[in-house]
Amino acid sequence: MTTDSGRRGGAAAMGRPRVTSRAALERLAFALFARQGFDATTVDDIAAAAGIGRRTFFRYFASKNDLVWGDFEDHLQMLRRLLDETGRDVPPMEAIRRAVVEFNRFDPDDVPWHRQRMRLILEVPTLHADATLRYASWREIITGFVAARTGLPAASTVPRLAGNVVLAAAVSAYEQWLSAEDGAALSDLLDETLRQVTAGLGAVLDPAGAASGP
């Protein structure tokens, strides 16, 4: 039986080296998306360009959509940890602002790739369903944090409101970042946007005020 590596071995030896990591496969795919468009690029296109077979591609990523999101689930654990490590003396919205800004801080070399990733996620219609599901997980972390800090059920109004508003603020900052022509830093835009949200939600999430919530 011919394996994926056997089938591609000659081509890989004569052309580009075979891709052997998730990160390398992701960046190669992003280059194809930029050249051909996301919808027009198939898993077979990506596998062929990487010098691997379809089965090998699916060992790295469950789907083409999954590739765009990278290690999103692992990154969510970082957001949860940033929130959990914040001292109890820090007001909830201040803790959230700091955590979200830090969560979205990237090495300068990675910024162009992250920009392309977010442009795909926010602008390609076929990725919107995935975005809805994954951002629900992101929102639940914020909601759970607020619920824990206020002593309110996660399903009650105040934690739900915080989760939805913070997510909307973060998406708005990303949209601004992608469309800005002045080179504004993502962390600065997130910080500014979340400070405005904090001004509105800060009083609501104050322990004394939250105690009278639903």
C-alpha atoms as a PDB file:
ATOM      1  CA  MET A   1       0.000   0.000   0.000  1.00  0.00           C
ATOM      2  CA  THR A   2       1.304   3.470  -0.898  1.00  0.00           C
ATOM      3  CA  THR A   3       1.339   5.933   1.983  1.00  0.00           C
ATOM      4  CA  ASP A   4       0.779   9.694   1.791  1.00  0.00           C
ATOM      5  CA  SER A   5       4.510  10.259   2.242  1.00  0.00           C
ATOM      6  CA  GLY A   6       5.355   7.752  -0.473  1.00  0.00           C
ATOM      7  CA  ARG A   7       2.906   9.271  -2.905  1.00  0.00           C
ATOM      8  CA  ARG A   8       4.281  12.774  -2.380  1.00  0.00           C
ATOM      9  CA  GLY A   9       7.909  11.862  -1.716  1.00  0.00           C
ATOM     10  CA  GLY A  10       9.279  12.566  -5.202  1.00  0.00           C
ATOM     11  CA  ALA A  11       7.489  15.877  -5.581  1.00  0.00           C
ATOM     12  CA  ALA A  12       8.535  17.042  -2.127  1.00  0.00           C
ATOM     13  CA  ALA A  13      12.167  16.129  -2.766  1.00  0.00           C
ATOM     14  CA  MET A  14      12.215  18.047  -6.074  1.00  0.00           C
ATOM     15  CA  GLY A  15      10.223  21.054  -4.923  1.00  0.00           C
ATOM     16  CA  ARG A  16       9.561  22.828  -1.648  1.00  0.00           C
ATOM     17  CA  PRO A  17      10.300  20.884   1.568  1.00  0.00           C
ATOM     18  CA  ARG A  18       7.355  18.947   2.944  1.00  0.00           C
ATOM     19  CA  VAL A  19       5.445  20.899   5.614  1.00  0.00           C
ATOM     20  CA  THR A  20       5.903  19.289   9.017  1.00  0.00           C
ATOM     21  CA  SER A  21       4.144  21.586  11.500  1.00  0.00           C
ATOM     22  CA  ARG A  22       0.727  23.139  12.090  1.00  0.00           C
ATOM     23  CA  ALA A  23       2.160  26.651  11.964  1.00  0.00           C
ATOM     24  CA  ALA A  24       3.934  26.101   8.647  1.00  0.00           C
ATOM     25  CA  LEU A  25       0.844  24.516   7.098  1.00  0.00           C
ATOM     26  CA  GLU A  26      -1.303  27.377   8.355  1.00  0.00           C
ATOM     27  CA  ARG A  27       0.927  30.045   6.826  1.00  0.00           C
ATOM     28  CA  LEU A  28       1.210  28.219   3.535  1.00  0.00           C
ATOM     29  CA  ALA A  29      -2.595  28.004   3.415  1.00  0.00           C
ATOM     30  CA  PHE A  30      -2.905  31.726   4.209  1.00  0.00           C
ATOM     31  CA  ALA A  31      -0.647  32.478   1.246  1.00  0.00           C
ATOM     32  CA  LEU A  32      -2.961  30.427  -0.971  1.00  0.00           C
ATOM     33  CA  PHE A  33      -6.053  32.168   0.451  1.00  0.00           C
ATOM     34  CA  ALA A  34      -4.498  35.554  -0.332  1.00  0.00           C
ATOM     35  CA  ARG A  35      -3.722  34.490  -3.887  1.00  0.00           C
ATOM     36  CA  GLN A  36      -6.804  32.424  -4.774  1.00  0.00           C
ATOM     37  CA  GLY A  37      -9.430  33.412  -2.218  1.00  0.00           C
ATOM     38  CA  PHE A  38     -10.608  31.300   0.706  1.00  0.00           C
ATOM     39  CA  ASP A  39     -13.592  29.675  -0.994  1.00  0.00           C
ATOM     40  CA  ALA A  40     -11.635  28.842  -4.171  1.00  0.00           C
ATOM     41  CA  THR A  41      -8.827  27.133  -2.238  1.00  0.00           C
ATOM     42  CA  THR A  42      -9.438  23.466  -1.442  1.00  0.00           C
ATOM     43  CA  VAL A  43      -7.895  21.124   1.088  1.00  0.00           C
ATOM     44  CA  ASP A  44      -6.315  19.325  -1.879  1.00  0.00           C
ATOM     45  CA  ASP A  45      -4.719  22.605  -3.013  1.00  0.00           C
ATOM     46  CA  ILE A  46      -3.239  23.154   0.440  1.00  0.00           C
ATOM     47  CA  ALA A  47      -2.030  19.557   0.773  1.00  0.00           C
ATOM     48  CA  ALA A  48      -0.424  19.613  -2.683  1.00  0.00           C
ATOM     49  CA  ALA A  49       1.352  22.904  -1.996  1.00  0.00           C
ATOM     50  CA  ALA A  50       2.589  21.495   1.323  1.00  0.00           C
ATOM     51  CA  GLY A  51       3.839  18.262  -0.235  1.00  0.00           C
ATOM     52  CA  ILE A  52       1.545  16.118   1.912  1.00  0.00           C
ATOM     53  CA  GLY A  53      -1.578  14.027   1.351  1.00  0.00           C
ATOM     54  CA  ARG A  54      -5.158  14.765   2.437  1.00  0.00           C
ATOM     55  CA  ARG A  55      -4.905  12.324   5.332  1.00  0.00           C
ATOM     56  CA  THR A  56      -1.845  14.111   6.640  1.00  0.00           C
ATOM     57  CA  PHE A  57      -3.622  17.473   6.372  1.00  0.00           C
ATOM     58  CA  PHE A  58      -6.453  16.133   8.527  1.00  0.00           C
ATOM     59  CA  ARG A  59      -3.971  15.021  11.167  1.00  0.00           C
ATOM     60  CA  TYR A  60      -3.140  18.688  11.625  1.00  0.00           C
ATOM     61  CA  PHE A  61      -6.587  20.250  11.191  1.00  0.00           C
ATOM     62  CA  ALA A  62     -10.135  18.894  11.195  1.00  0.00           C
ATOM     63  CA  SER A  63     -11.118  21.103   8.240  1.00  0.00           C
ATOM     64  CA  LYS A  64     -10.103  24.106   6.165  1.00  0.00           C
ATOM     65  CA  ASN A  65     -12.199  26.287   8.474  1.00  0.00           C
ATOM     66  CA  ASP A  66     -10.420  24.845  11.506  1.00  0.00           C
ATOM     67  CA  LEU A  67      -7.067  25.815   9.994  1.00  0.00           C
ATOM     68  CA  VAL A  68      -8.096  29.474   9.885  1.00  0.00           C
ATOM     69  CA  TRP A  69      -8.779  29.464  13.647  1.00  0.00           C
ATOM     70  CA  GLY A  70      -5.450  27.863  14.516  1.00  0.00           C
ATOM     71  CA  ASP A  71      -5.068  26.984  18.210  1.00  0.00           C
ATOM     72  CA  PHE A  72      -8.134  28.957  19.266  1.00  0.00           C
ATOM     73  CA  GLU A  73      -9.251  26.527  21.981  1.00  0.00           C
ATOM     74  CA  ASP A  74      -5.801  26.546  23.582  1.00  0.00           C
ATOM     75  CA  HIS A  75      -5.734  30.343  23.424  1.00  0.00           C
ATOM     76  CA  LEU A  76      -9.070  30.496  25.214  1.00  0.00           C
ATOM     77  CA  GLN A  77      -7.434  28.805  28.181  1.00  0.00           C
ATOM     78  CA  MET A  78      -4.935  31.667  28.241  1.00  0.00           C
ATOM     79  CA  LEU A  79      -7.791  34.185  28.480  1.00  0.00           C
ATOM     80  CA  ARG A  80      -9.351  32.206  31.319  1.00  0.00           C
ATOM     81  CA  ARG A  81      -6.005  32.050  33.124  1.00  0.00           C
ATOM     82  CA  LEU A  82      -5.396  35.804  32.745  1.00  0.00           C
ATOM     83  CA  LEU A  83      -8.769  36.495  34.332  1.00  0.00           C
ATOM     84  CA  ASP A  84      -8.346  33.935  37.101  1.00  0.00           C
ATOM     85  CA  GLU A  85      -4.933  35.342  38.030  1.00  0.00           C
ATOM     86  CA  THR A  86      -6.285  38.868  38.505  1.00  0.00           C
ATOM     87  CA  GLY A  87      -6.429  39.950  42.136  1.00  0.00           C
ATOM     88  CA  ARG A  88      -9.831  40.248  43.797  1.00  0.00           C
ATOM     89  CA  ASP A  89      -9.054  43.878  44.552  1.00  0.00           C
ATOM     90  CA  VAL A  90      -9.213  44.709  40.821  1.00  0.00           C
ATOM     91  CA  PRO A  91     -12.741  45.712  39.692  1.00  0.00           C
ATOM     92  CA  PRO A  92     -14.299  43.176  37.284  1.00  0.00           C
ATOM     93  CA  MET A  93     -14.341  45.408  34.198  1.00  0.00           C
ATOM     94  CA  GLU A  94     -10.785  46.566  34.830  1.00  0.00           C
ATOM     95  CA  ALA A  95      -9.727  42.910  35.120  1.00  0.00           C
ATOM     96  CA  ILE A  96     -11.510  42.102  31.868  1.00  0.00           C
ATOM     97  CA  ARG A  97      -9.944  45.061  30.037  1.00  0.00           C
ATOM     98  CA  ARG A  98      -6.437  44.090  31.118  1.00  0.00           C
ATOM     99  CA  ALA A  99      -6.944  40.427  30.278  1.00  0.00           C
ATOM    100  CA  VAL A 100      -8.461  41.020  26.824  1.00  0.00           C
ATOM    101  CA  VAL A 101      -5.744  43.499  25.852  1.00  0.00           C
ATOM    102  CA  GLU A 102      -2.998  41.122  27.005  1.00  0.00           C
ATOM    103  CA  PHE A 103      -4.725  38.154  25.339  1.00  0.00           C
ATOM    104  CA  ASN A 104      -4.601  40.003  22.019  1.00  0.00           C
ATOM    105  CA  ARG A 105      -0.962  41.113  22.249  1.00  0.00           C
ATOM    106  CA  PHE A 106       1.217  39.542  19.550  1.00  0.00           C
ATOM    107  CA  ASP A 107       4.852  39.434  18.599  1.00  0.00           C
ATOM    108  CA  PRO A 108       5.463  41.986  15.793  1.00  0.00           C
ATOM    109  CA  ASP A 109       6.488  39.180  13.426  1.00  0.00           C
ATOM    110  CA  ASP A 110       3.126  37.496  13.942  1.00  0.00           C
ATOM    111  CA  VAL A 111       0.962  40.597  13.455  1.00  0.00           C
ATOM    112  CA  PRO A 112       0.669  40.342   9.616  1.00  0.00           C
ATOM    113  CA  TRP A 113      -0.479  36.725   9.929  1.00  0.00           C
ATOM    114  CA  HIS A 114      -2.945  37.568  12.673  1.00  0.00           C
ATOM    115  CA  ARG A 115      -4.302  40.428  10.574  1.00  0.00           C
ATOM    116  CA  GLN A 116      -4.893  38.052   7.674  1.00  0.00           C
ATOM    117  CA  ARG A 117      -6.507  35.505   9.996  1.00  0.00           C
ATOM    118  CA  MET A 118      -8.927  38.068  11.416  1.00  0.00           C
ATOM    119  CA  ARG A 119      -9.729  39.481   8.004  1.00  0.00           C
ATOM    120  CA  LEU A 120     -10.768  35.993   6.914  1.00  0.00           C
ATOM    121  CA  ILE A 121     -12.802  35.379  10.069  1.00  0.00           C
ATOM    122  CA  LEU A 122     -14.645  38.695   9.948  1.00  0.00           C
ATOM    123  CA  GLU A 123     -15.054  39.115   6.196  1.00  0.00           C
ATOM    124  CA  VAL A 124     -15.545  35.651   4.630  1.00  0.00           C
ATOM    125  CA  PRO A 125     -19.259  34.700   4.828  1.00  0.00           C
ATOM    126  CA  THR A 126     -18.562  30.960   4.822  1.00  0.00           C
ATOM    127  CA  LEU A 127     -16.644  31.369   8.101  1.00  0.00           C
ATOM    128  CA  HIS A 128     -19.408  33.244   9.923  1.00  0.00           C
ATOM    129  CA  ALA A 129     -21.086  30.113  11.304  1.00  0.00           C
ATOM    130  CA  ASP A 130     -17.775  28.993  12.813  1.00  0.00           C
ATOM    131  CA  ALA A 131     -17.264  32.481  14.234  1.00  0.00           C
ATOM    132  CA  THR A 132     -20.640  32.373  15.964  1.00  0.00           C
ATOM    133  CA  LEU A 133     -19.797  29.094  17.706  1.00  0.00           C
ATOM    134  CA  ARG A 134     -16.261  29.996  18.684  1.00  0.00           C
ATOM    135  CA  TYR A 135     -17.090  33.471  19.889  1.00  0.00           C
ATOM    136  CA  ALA A 136     -19.824  31.942  22.030  1.00  0.00           C
ATOM    137  CA  SER A 137     -17.046  30.068  23.865  1.00  0.00           C
ATOM    138  CA  TRP A 138     -15.073  33.320  24.216  1.00  0.00           C
ATOM    139  CA  ARG A 139     -18.150  35.130  25.534  1.00  0.00           C
ATOM    140  CA  GLU A 140     -18.866  32.365  28.058  1.00  0.00           C
ATOM    141  CA  ILE A 141     -15.472  32.939  29.677  1.00  0.00           C
ATOM    142  CA  ILE A 142     -16.287  36.610  30.254  1.00  0.00           C
ATOM    143  CA  THR A 143     -19.786  35.749  31.459  1.00  0.00           C
ATOM    144  CA  GLY A 144     -18.465  33.113  33.849  1.00  0.00           C
ATOM    145  CA  PHE A 145     -15.864  35.481  35.246  1.00  0.00           C
ATOM    146  CA  VAL A 146     -18.451  38.184  35.923  1.00  0.00           C
ATOM    147  CA  ALA A 147     -20.798  35.645  37.498  1.00  0.00           C
ATOM    148  CA  ALA A 148     -18.035  34.434  39.818  1.00  0.00           C
ATOM    149  CA  ARG A 149     -17.042  37.957  40.790  1.00  0.00           C
ATOM    150  CA  THR A 150     -20.583  39.177  41.446  1.00  0.00           C
ATOM    151  CA  GLY A 151     -22.101  36.016  42.906  1.00  0.00           C
ATOM    152  CA  LEU A 152     -24.847  36.121  40.276  1.00  0.00           C
ATOM    153  CA  PRO A 153     -25.941  33.130  38.181  1.00  0.00           C
ATOM    154  CA  ALA A 154     -24.196  33.046  34.795  1.00  0.00           C
ATOM    155  CA  ALA A 155     -27.633  32.981  33.128  1.00  0.00           C
ATOM    156  CA  SER A 156     -28.765  36.211  34.801  1.00  0.00           C
ATOM    157  CA  THR A 157     -28.891  39.595  33.120  1.00  0.00           C
ATOM    158  CA  VAL A 158     -25.692  41.267  34.324  1.00  0.00           C
ATOM    159  CA  PRO A 159     -23.178  38.499  33.442  1.00  0.00           C
ATOM    160  CA  ARG A 160     -24.904  37.922  30.100  1.00  0.00           C
ATOM    161  CA  LEU A 161     -24.831  41.643  29.357  1.00  0.00           C
ATOM    162  CA  ALA A 162     -21.140  41.860  30.206  1.00  0.00           C
ATOM    163  CA  GLY A 163     -20.273  38.898  27.991  1.00  0.00           C
ATOM    164  CA  ASN A 164     -22.165  40.231  25.004  1.00  0.00           C
ATOM    165  CA  VAL A 165     -20.996  43.821  25.355  1.00  0.00           C
ATOM    166  CA  VAL A 166     -17.326  42.934  25.838  1.00  0.00           C
ATOM    167  CA  LEU A 167     -17.397  40.613  22.815  1.00  0.00           C
ATOM    168  CA  ALA A 168     -19.041  43.330  20.689  1.00  0.00           C
ATOM    169  CA  ALA A 169     -16.432  45.843  21.861  1.00  0.00           C
ATOM    170  CA  ALA A 170     -13.555  43.512  20.994  1.00  0.00           C
ATOM    171  CA  VAL A 171     -14.976  42.799  17.534  1.00  0.00           C
ATOM    172  CA  SER A 172     -15.469  46.537  16.967  1.00  0.00           C
ATOM    173  CA  ALA A 173     -11.826  47.180  17.872  1.00  0.00           C
ATOM    174  CA  TYR A 174     -10.729  44.471  15.439  1.00  0.00           C
ATOM    175  CA  GLU A 175     -12.854  45.933  12.653  1.00  0.00           C
ATOM    176  CA  GLN A 176     -11.282  49.318  13.301  1.00  0.00           C
ATOM    177  CA  TRP A 177      -7.822  47.776  13.260  1.00  0.00           C
ATOM    178  CA  LEU A 178      -8.418  46.032   9.937  1.00  0.00           C
ATOM    179  CA  SER A 179      -9.775  49.162   8.273  1.00  0.00           C
ATOM    180  CA  ALA A 180      -7.452  51.741   9.869  1.00  0.00           C
ATOM    181  CA  GLU A 181      -4.926  53.370   7.573  1.00  0.00           C
ATOM    182  CA  ASP A 182      -2.996  55.128  10.344  1.00  0.00           C
ATOM    183  CA  GLY A 183      -1.258  51.993  11.601  1.00  0.00           C
ATOM    184  CA  ALA A 184      -2.977  52.085  14.993  1.00  0.00           C
ATOM    185  CA  ALA A 185      -1.883  49.246  17.259  1.00  0.00           C
ATOM    186  CA  LEU A 186      -4.486  46.587  18.005  1.00  0.00           C
ATOM    187  CA  SER A 187      -3.731  46.704  21.735  1.00  0.00           C
ATOM    188  CA  ASP A 188      -4.336  50.472  21.793  1.00  0.00           C
ATOM    189  CA  LEU A 189      -7.665  50.140  19.976  1.00  0.00           C
ATOM    190  CA  LEU A 190      -8.803  47.358  22.302  1.00  0.00           C
ATOM    191  CA  ASP A 191      -7.725  49.339  25.337  1.00  0.00           C
ATOM    192  CA  GLU A 192      -9.586  52.449  24.184  1.00  0.00           C
ATOM    193  CA  THR A 193     -12.739  50.540  23.261  1.00  0.00           C
ATOM    194  CA  LEU A 194     -12.849  48.575  26.506  1.00  0.00           C
ATOM    195  CA  ARG A 195     -12.233  51.689  28.591  1.00  0.00           C
ATOM    196  CA  GLN A 196     -15.396  53.146  27.072  1.00  0.00           C
ATOM    197  CA  VAL A 197     -17.289  49.953  27.889  1.00  0.00           C
ATOM    198  CA  THR A 198     -15.865  50.019  31.421  1.00  0.00           C
ATOM    199  CA  ALA A 199     -17.224  53.518  31.925  1.00  0.00           C
ATOM    200  CA  GLY A 200     -20.725  52.205  31.199  1.00  0.00           C
ATOM    201  CA  LEU A 201     -20.596  48.794  32.879  1.00  0.00           C
ATOM    202  CA  GLY A 202     -18.285  49.644  35.762  1.00  0.00           C
ATOM    203  CA  ALA A 203     -21.075  50.909  38.019  1.00  0.00           C
ATOM    204  CA  VAL A 204     -23.300  47.940  37.159  1.00  0.00           C
ATOM    205  CA  LEU A 205     -20.552  45.470  38.059  1.00  0.00           C
ATOM    206  CA  ASP A 206     -19.608  47.205  41.277  1.00  0.00           C
ATOM    207  CA  PRO A 207     -20.189  44.595  44.018  1.00  0.00           C
ATOM    208  CA  ALA A 208     -22.645  46.845  45.831  1.00  0.00           C
ATOM    209  CA  GLY A 209     -24.629  47.539  42.690  1.00  0.00           C
ATOM    210  CA  ALA A 210     -24.495  43.982  41.418  1.00  0.00           C
ATOM    211  CA  ALA A 211     -25.930  42.625  44.675  1.00  0.00           C
ATOM    212  CA  SER A 212     -29.272  44.156  43.773  1.00  0.00           C
ATOM    213  CA  GLY A 213     -29.237  42.688  40.265  1.00  0.00           C
ATOM    214  CA  PRO A 214     -31.398  39.838  39.019  1.00  0.00           C
END
